[in-house]
Amino acid sequence: MLNLNETIVAYDLAEALEGESGKFEVTTPSGERFTLTASPTHSIKNFRAIAEGATPQPLRVRKVADVRAVQETVK
């Protein structure tokens, strides 16, 4: 389990966030950022950043909120 503000580097988001829950900021190698919410009961099969004809590039993933905080903002 990732702690709040902990950052990891991963090639596959599905694998990196398996069993995780919370809100995560993901940064691509080109600097683009997006936010995703993960729940241990809902998962993605595979997500990798691959440019056509290039080798896979790692994504930086930082946990920005716990599940409780995410649920409170949705209400």
PDB file of N, CA and C in Angstrom:
ATOM      1  N   MET A   1       0.842  -1.183   0.000  1.00  0.00           N
ATOM      2  CA  MET A   1       0.000   0.000   0.000  1.00  0.00           C
ATOM      3  C   MET A   1       0.885   1.244   0.000  1.00  0.00           C
ATOM      4  N   LEU A   2       0.547   2.170  -0.887  1.00  0.00           N
ATOM      5  CA  LEU A   2       1.265   3.427  -0.937  1.00  0.00           C
ATOM      6  C   LEU A   2       0.767   4.356   0.168  1.00  0.00           C
ATOM      7  N   ASN A   3       1.675   5.097   0.745  1.00  0.00           N
ATOM      8  CA  ASN A   3       1.318   6.110   1.731  1.00  0.00           C
ATOM      9  C   ASN A   3       1.029   7.422   1.024  1.00  0.00           C
ATOM     10  N   LEU A   4       0.319   8.309   1.688  1.00  0.00           N
ATOM     11  CA  LEU A   4       0.010   9.616   1.133  1.00  0.00           C
ATOM     12  C   LEU A   4       1.302  10.336   0.756  1.00  0.00           C
ATOM     13  N   ASN A   5       1.351  10.917  -0.437  1.00  0.00           N
ATOM     14  CA  ASN A   5       2.492  11.632  -1.020  1.00  0.00           C
ATOM     15  C   ASN A   5       3.667  10.737  -1.405  1.00  0.00           C
ATOM     16  N   GLU A   6       3.517   9.438  -1.300  1.00  0.00           N
ATOM     17  CA  GLU A   6       4.561   8.525  -1.744  1.00  0.00           C
ATOM     18  C   GLU A   6       4.518   8.431  -3.269  1.00  0.00           C
ATOM     19  N   THR A   7       5.685   8.388  -3.895  1.00  0.00           N
ATOM     20  CA  THR A   7       5.794   8.337  -5.350  1.00  0.00           C
ATOM     21  C   THR A   7       6.501   7.062  -5.774  1.00  0.00           C
ATOM     22  N   ILE A   8       5.977   6.448  -6.828  1.00  0.00           N
ATOM     23  CA  ILE A   8       6.623   5.278  -7.420  1.00  0.00           C
ATOM     24  C   ILE A   8       6.764   5.509  -8.920  1.00  0.00           C
ATOM     25  N   VAL A   9       7.607   4.723  -9.550  1.00  0.00           N
ATOM     26  CA  VAL A   9       7.762   4.747 -11.000  1.00  0.00           C
ATOM     27  C   VAL A   9       7.323   3.383 -11.511  1.00  0.00           C
ATOM     28  N   ALA A  10       6.476   3.394 -12.553  1.00  0.00           N
ATOM     29  CA  ALA A  10       5.942   2.128 -13.061  1.00  0.00           C
ATOM     30  C   ALA A  10       5.720   2.210 -14.560  1.00  0.00           C
ATOM     31  N   TYR A  11       5.797   1.066 -15.207  1.00  0.00           N
ATOM     32  CA  TYR A  11       5.500   0.977 -16.637  1.00  0.00           C
ATOM     33  C   TYR A  11       4.029   0.671 -16.873  1.00  0.00           C
ATOM     34  N   ASP A  12       3.390  -0.007 -15.929  1.00  0.00           N
ATOM     35  CA  ASP A  12       2.006  -0.441 -16.087  1.00  0.00           C
ATOM     36  C   ASP A  12       1.203   0.018 -14.875  1.00  0.00           C
ATOM     37  N   LEU A  13       0.269   0.946 -15.093  1.00  0.00           N
ATOM     38  CA  LEU A  13      -0.540   1.474 -13.990  1.00  0.00           C
ATOM     39  C   LEU A  13      -1.389   0.405 -13.337  1.00  0.00           C
ATOM     40  N   ALA A  14      -1.955  -0.490 -14.121  1.00  0.00           N
ATOM     41  CA  ALA A  14      -2.806  -1.541 -13.563  1.00  0.00           C
ATOM     42  C   ALA A  14      -2.015  -2.388 -12.578  1.00  0.00           C
ATOM     43  N   GLU A  15      -0.821  -2.735 -12.946  1.00  0.00           N
ATOM     44  CA  GLU A  15       0.027  -3.549 -12.070  1.00  0.00           C
ATOM     45  C   GLU A  15       0.461  -2.744 -10.846  1.00  0.00           C
ATOM     46  N   ALA A  16       0.851  -1.504 -11.048  1.00  0.00           N
ATOM     47  CA  ALA A  16       1.343  -0.667  -9.952  1.00  0.00           C
ATOM     48  C   ALA A  16       0.266  -0.356  -8.917  1.00  0.00           C
ATOM     49  N   LEU A  17      -0.978  -0.201  -9.362  1.00  0.00           N
ATOM     50  CA  LEU A  17      -2.049   0.193  -8.445  1.00  0.00           C
ATOM     51  C   LEU A  17      -2.959  -0.967  -8.050  1.00  0.00           C
ATOM     52  N   GLU A  18      -2.563  -2.188  -8.352  1.00  0.00           N
ATOM     53  CA  GLU A  18      -3.365  -3.350  -7.980  1.00  0.00           C
ATOM     54  C   GLU A  18      -3.558  -3.382  -6.460  1.00  0.00           C
ATOM     55  N   GLY A  19      -4.814  -3.417  -6.036  1.00  0.00           N
ATOM     56  CA  GLY A  19      -5.141  -3.453  -4.612  1.00  0.00           C
ATOM     57  C   GLY A  19      -5.069  -2.109  -3.912  1.00  0.00           C
ATOM     58  N   GLU A  20      -4.671  -1.062  -4.626  1.00  0.00           N
ATOM     59  CA  GLU A  20      -4.583   0.277  -4.034  1.00  0.00           C
ATOM     60  C   GLU A  20      -5.936   0.966  -4.068  1.00  0.00           C
ATOM     61  N   SER A  21      -6.091   1.959  -3.224  1.00  0.00           N
ATOM     62  CA  SER A  21      -7.279   2.794  -3.261  1.00  0.00           C
ATOM     63  C   SER A  21      -6.865   4.216  -2.918  1.00  0.00           C
ATOM     64  N   GLY A  22      -7.541   5.173  -3.537  1.00  0.00           N
ATOM     65  CA  GLY A  22      -7.237   6.573  -3.308  1.00  0.00           C
ATOM     66  C   GLY A  22      -7.168   7.345  -4.607  1.00  0.00           C
ATOM     67  N   LYS A  23      -6.679   8.560  -4.511  1.00  0.00           N
ATOM     68  CA  LYS A  23      -6.524   9.443  -5.670  1.00  0.00           C
ATOM     69  C   LYS A  23      -5.038   9.556  -5.975  1.00  0.00           C
ATOM     70  N   PHE A  24      -4.685   9.426  -7.263  1.00  0.00           N
ATOM     71  CA  PHE A  24      -3.287   9.409  -7.675  1.00  0.00           C
ATOM     72  C   PHE A  24      -3.034  10.412  -8.789  1.00  0.00           C
ATOM     73  N   GLU A  25      -1.891  11.081  -8.728  1.00  0.00           N
ATOM     74  CA  GLU A  25      -1.456  11.971  -9.806  1.00  0.00           C
ATOM     75  C   GLU A  25      -0.426  11.191 -10.619  1.00  0.00           C
ATOM     76  N   VAL A  26      -0.669  11.086 -11.924  1.00  0.00           N
ATOM     77  CA  VAL A  26       0.218  10.342 -12.812  1.00  0.00           C
ATOM     78  C   VAL A  26       0.875  11.325 -13.775  1.00  0.00           C
ATOM     79  N   THR A  27       2.201  11.237 -13.889  1.00  0.00           N
ATOM     80  CA  THR A  27       2.950  12.108 -14.796  1.00  0.00           C
ATOM     81  C   THR A  27       3.629  11.240 -15.848  1.00  0.00           C
ATOM     82  N   THR A  28       3.389  11.594 -17.124  1.00  0.00           N
ATOM     83  CA  THR A  28       3.988  10.853 -18.226  1.00  0.00           C
ATOM     84  C   THR A  28       5.419  11.337 -18.449  1.00  0.00           C
ATOM     85  N   PRO A  29       6.215  10.593 -19.202  1.00  0.00           N
ATOM     86  CA  PRO A  29       7.581  11.026 -19.491  1.00  0.00           C
ATOM     87  C   PRO A  29       7.642  12.391 -20.194  1.00  0.00           C
ATOM     88  N   SER A  30       6.597  12.744 -20.942  1.00  0.00           N
ATOM     89  CA  SER A  30       6.597  14.042 -21.634  1.00  0.00           C
ATOM     90  C   SER A  30       6.097  15.179 -20.742  1.00  0.00           C
ATOM     91  N   GLY A  31       5.756  14.863 -19.484  1.00  0.00           N
ATOM     92  CA  GLY A  31       5.349  15.898 -18.540  1.00  0.00           C
ATOM     93  C   GLY A  31       3.847  16.100 -18.414  1.00  0.00           C
ATOM     94  N   GLU A  32       3.052  15.373 -19.192  1.00  0.00           N
ATOM     95  CA  GLU A  32       1.600  15.490 -19.063  1.00  0.00           C
ATOM     96  C   GLU A  32       1.174  14.864 -17.743  1.00  0.00           C
ATOM     97  N   ARG A  33       0.171  15.491 -17.116  1.00  0.00           N
ATOM     98  CA  ARG A  33      -0.319  14.983 -15.837  1.00  0.00           C
ATOM     99  C   ARG A  33      -1.796  14.674 -15.916  1.00  0.00           C
ATOM    100  N   PHE A  34      -2.186  13.613 -15.245  1.00  0.00           N
ATOM    101  CA  PHE A  34      -3.603  13.328 -15.096  1.00  0.00           C
ATOM    102  C   PHE A  34      -3.833  12.710 -13.728  1.00  0.00           C
ATOM    103  N   THR A  35      -5.074  12.759 -13.286  1.00  0.00           N
ATOM    104  CA  THR A  35      -5.444  12.244 -11.977  1.00  0.00           C
ATOM    105  C   THR A  35      -6.374  11.062 -12.161  1.00  0.00           C
ATOM    106  N   LEU A  36      -6.176  10.033 -11.354  1.00  0.00           N
ATOM    107  CA  LEU A  36      -7.088   8.901 -11.394  1.00  0.00           C
ATOM    108  C   LEU A  36      -7.443   8.503  -9.976  1.00  0.00           C
ATOM    109  N   THR A  37      -8.614   7.900  -9.854  1.00  0.00           N
ATOM    110  CA  THR A  37      -9.080   7.397  -8.571  1.00  0.00           C
ATOM    111  C   THR A  37      -9.120   5.882  -8.663  1.00  0.00           C
ATOM    112  N   ALA A  38      -8.515   5.232  -7.678  1.00  0.00           N
ATOM    113  CA  ALA A  38      -8.454   3.773  -7.674  1.00  0.00           C
ATOM    114  C   ALA A  38      -9.233   3.220  -6.482  1.00  0.00           C
ATOM    115  N   SER A  39      -9.872   2.104  -6.721  1.00  0.00           N
ATOM    116  CA  SER A  39     -10.601   1.388  -5.685  1.00  0.00           C
ATOM    117  C   SER A  39     -10.180  -0.065  -5.757  1.00  0.00           C
ATOM    118  N   PRO A  40      -9.975  -0.723  -4.621  1.00  0.00           N
ATOM    119  CA  PRO A  40      -9.541  -2.114  -4.679  1.00  0.00           C
ATOM    120  C   PRO A  40     -10.580  -3.039  -5.316  1.00  0.00           C
ATOM    121  N   THR A  41     -11.833  -2.617  -5.381  1.00  0.00           N
ATOM    122  CA  THR A  41     -12.875  -3.458  -5.978  1.00  0.00           C
ATOM    123  C   THR A  41     -13.075  -3.189  -7.463  1.00  0.00           C
ATOM    124  N   HIS A  42     -12.442  -2.156  -8.010  1.00  0.00           N
ATOM    125  CA  HIS A  42     -12.530  -1.834  -9.434  1.00  0.00           C
ATOM    126  C   HIS A  42     -11.109  -1.724  -9.970  1.00  0.00           C
ATOM    127  N   SER A  43     -10.840  -2.396 -11.054  1.00  0.00           N
ATOM    128  CA  SER A  43      -9.473  -2.360 -11.566  1.00  0.00           C
ATOM    129  C   SER A  43      -9.462  -2.183 -13.075  1.00  0.00           C
ATOM    130  N   ILE A  44      -8.293  -1.806 -13.575  1.00  0.00           N
ATOM    131  CA  ILE A  44      -8.075  -1.745 -15.014  1.00  0.00           C
ATOM    132  C   ILE A  44      -7.181  -2.925 -15.378  1.00  0.00           C
ATOM    133  N   LYS A  45      -7.332  -3.414 -16.567  1.00  0.00           N
ATOM    134  CA  LYS A  45      -6.563  -4.584 -16.979  1.00  0.00           C
ATOM    135  C   LYS A  45      -5.117  -4.214 -17.311  1.00  0.00           C
ATOM    136  N   ASN A  46      -4.932  -3.099 -18.035  1.00  0.00           N
ATOM    137  CA  ASN A  46      -3.596  -2.712 -18.462  1.00  0.00           C
ATOM    138  C   ASN A  46      -3.612  -1.261 -18.898  1.00  0.00           C
ATOM    139  N   PHE A  47      -2.591  -0.517 -18.549  1.00  0.00           N
ATOM    140  CA  PHE A  47      -2.441   0.855 -19.012  1.00  0.00           C
ATOM    141  C   PHE A  47      -0.960   1.172 -19.027  1.00  0.00           C
ATOM    142  N   ARG A  48      -0.407   1.392 -20.217  1.00  0.00           N
ATOM    143  CA  ARG A  48       1.010   1.718 -20.371  1.00  0.00           C
ATOM    144  C   ARG A  48       1.162   2.902 -21.309  1.00  0.00           C
ATOM    145  N   ALA A  49       2.185   3.703 -21.059  1.00  0.00           N
ATOM    146  CA  ALA A  49       2.489   4.832 -21.942  1.00  0.00           C
ATOM    147  C   ALA A  49       3.502   4.359 -22.977  1.00  0.00           C
ATOM    148  N   ILE A  50       3.033   4.157 -24.195  1.00  0.00           N
ATOM    149  CA  ILE A  50       3.918   3.687 -25.266  1.00  0.00           C
ATOM    150  C   ILE A  50       3.670   4.524 -26.518  1.00  0.00           C
ATOM    151  N   ALA A  51       4.703   5.201 -26.974  1.00  0.00           N
ATOM    152  CA  ALA A  51       4.616   5.927 -28.235  1.00  0.00           C
ATOM    153  C   ALA A  51       4.819   4.904 -29.357  1.00  0.00           C
ATOM    154  N   GLU A  52       4.152   5.123 -30.463  1.00  0.00           N
ATOM    155  CA  GLU A  52       4.255   4.172 -31.566  1.00  0.00           C
ATOM    156  C   GLU A  52       5.707   4.031 -32.012  1.00  0.00           C
ATOM    157  N   GLY A  53       6.169   2.791 -32.053  1.00  0.00           N
ATOM    158  CA  GLY A  53       7.523   2.509 -32.497  1.00  0.00           C
ATOM    159  C   GLY A  53       8.593   2.756 -31.448  1.00  0.00           C
ATOM    160  N   ALA A  54       8.212   3.117 -30.245  1.00  0.00           N
ATOM    161  CA  ALA A  54       9.184   3.409 -29.186  1.00  0.00           C
ATOM    162  C   ALA A  54       9.113   2.342 -28.096  1.00  0.00           C
ATOM    163  N   THR A  55      10.099   2.351 -27.243  1.00  0.00           N
ATOM    164  CA  THR A  55      10.082   1.440 -26.099  1.00  0.00           C
ATOM    165  C   THR A  55       9.192   2.027 -25.009  1.00  0.00           C
ATOM    166  N   PRO A  56       8.625   1.192 -24.162  1.00  0.00           N
ATOM    167  CA  PRO A  56       7.765   1.691 -23.079  1.00  0.00           C
ATOM    168  C   PRO A  56       8.513   2.671 -22.176  1.00  0.00           C
ATOM    169  N   GLN A  57       7.808   3.699 -21.754  1.00  0.00           N
ATOM    170  CA  GLN A  57       8.383   4.716 -20.883  1.00  0.00           C
ATOM    171  C   GLN A  57       7.715   4.632 -19.505  1.00  0.00           C
ATOM    172  N   PRO A  58       8.467   4.869 -18.445  1.00  0.00           N
ATOM    173  CA  PRO A  58       7.884   4.775 -17.106  1.00  0.00           C
ATOM    174  C   PRO A  58       7.002   5.978 -16.776  1.00  0.00           C
ATOM    175  N   LEU A  59       6.001   5.717 -15.965  1.00  0.00           N
ATOM    176  CA  LEU A  59       5.103   6.752 -15.469  1.00  0.00           C
ATOM    177  C   LEU A  59       5.444   7.015 -14.005  1.00  0.00           C
ATOM    178  N   ARG A  60       5.345   8.269 -13.586  1.00  0.00           N
ATOM    179  CA  ARG A  60       5.532   8.600 -12.176  1.00  0.00           C
ATOM    180  C   ARG A  60       4.153   8.677 -11.542  1.00  0.00           C
ATOM    181  N   VAL A  61       3.935   7.951 -10.458  1.00  0.00           N
ATOM    182  CA  VAL A  61       2.636   7.861  -9.808  1.00  0.00           C
ATOM    183  C   VAL A  61       2.786   8.313  -8.359  1.00  0.00           C
ATOM    184  N   ARG A  62       1.995   9.324  -7.965  1.00  0.00           N
ATOM    185  CA  ARG A  62       2.049   9.844  -6.597  1.00  0.00           C
ATOM    186  C   ARG A  62       0.658   9.790  -5.985  1.00  0.00           C
ATOM    187  N   LYS A  63       0.568   9.245  -4.784  1.00  0.00           N
ATOM    188  CA  LYS A  63      -0.717   9.179  -4.080  1.00  0.00           C
ATOM    189  C   LYS A  63      -0.990  10.542  -3.464  1.00  0.00           C
ATOM    190  N   VAL A  64      -2.117  11.160  -3.834  1.00  0.00           N
ATOM    191  CA  VAL A  64      -2.426  12.508  -3.360  1.00  0.00           C
ATOM    192  C   VAL A  64      -3.586  12.550  -2.375  1.00  0.00           C
ATOM    193  N   ALA A  65      -4.360  11.464  -2.248  1.00  0.00           N
ATOM    194  CA  ALA A  65      -5.459  11.433  -1.282  1.00  0.00           C
ATOM    195  C   ALA A  65      -5.804  10.002  -0.935  1.00  0.00           C
ATOM    196  N   ASP A  66      -6.222   9.808   0.301  1.00  0.00           N
ATOM    197  CA  ASP A  66      -6.708   8.498   0.732  1.00  0.00           C
ATOM    198  C   ASP A  66      -8.137   8.322   0.275  1.00  0.00           C
ATOM    199  N   VAL A  67      -8.622   7.098   0.314  1.00  0.00           N
ATOM    200  CA  VAL A  67      -9.977   6.793  -0.135  1.00  0.00           C
ATOM    201  C   VAL A  67     -11.017   7.578   0.657  1.00  0.00           C
ATOM    202  N   ARG A  68     -10.840   7.739   1.928  1.00  0.00           N
ATOM    203  CA  ARG A  68     -11.798   8.467   2.759  1.00  0.00           C
ATOM    204  C   ARG A  68     -11.933   9.912   2.271  1.00  0.00           C
ATOM    205  N   ALA A  69     -10.829  10.564   1.985  1.00  0.00           N
ATOM    206  CA  ALA A  69     -10.861  11.948   1.495  1.00  0.00           C
ATOM    207  C   ALA A  69     -11.519  12.029   0.132  1.00  0.00           C
ATOM    208  N   VAL A  70     -11.296  11.051  -0.723  1.00  0.00           N
ATOM    209  CA  VAL A  70     -11.892  11.026  -2.045  1.00  0.00           C
ATOM    210  C   VAL A  70     -13.408  10.864  -1.931  1.00  0.00           C
ATOM    211  N   GLN A  71     -13.863   9.959  -1.071  1.00  0.00           N
ATOM    212  CA  GLN A  71     -15.289   9.729  -0.888  1.00  0.00           C
ATOM    213  C   GLN A  71     -15.984  10.985  -0.359  1.00  0.00           C
ATOM    214  N   GLU A  72     -15.343  11.725   0.544  1.00  0.00           N
ATOM    215  CA  GLU A  72     -15.928  12.931   1.105  1.00  0.00           C
ATOM    216  C   GLU A  72     -16.102  14.012   0.049  1.00  0.00           C
ATOM    217  N   THR A  73     -15.187  14.118  -0.910  1.00  0.00           N
ATOM    218  CA  THR A  73     -15.298  15.153  -1.937  1.00  0.00           C
ATOM    219  C   THR A  73     -16.366  14.822  -2.946  1.00  0.00           C
ATOM    220  N   VAL A  74     -16.719  13.545  -3.086  1.00  0.00           N
ATOM    221  CA  VAL A  74     -17.746  13.123  -4.041  1.00  0.00           C
ATOM    222  C   VAL A  74     -19.150  13.425  -3.516  1.00  0.00           C
ATOM    223  N   LYS A  75     -19.338  13.374  -2.212  1.00  0.00           N
ATOM    224  CA  LYS A  75     -20.665  13.595  -1.608  1.00  0.00           C
ATOM    225  C   LYS A  75     -21.191  14.985  -1.833  1.00  0.00           C
TER     226      LYS A  75
END
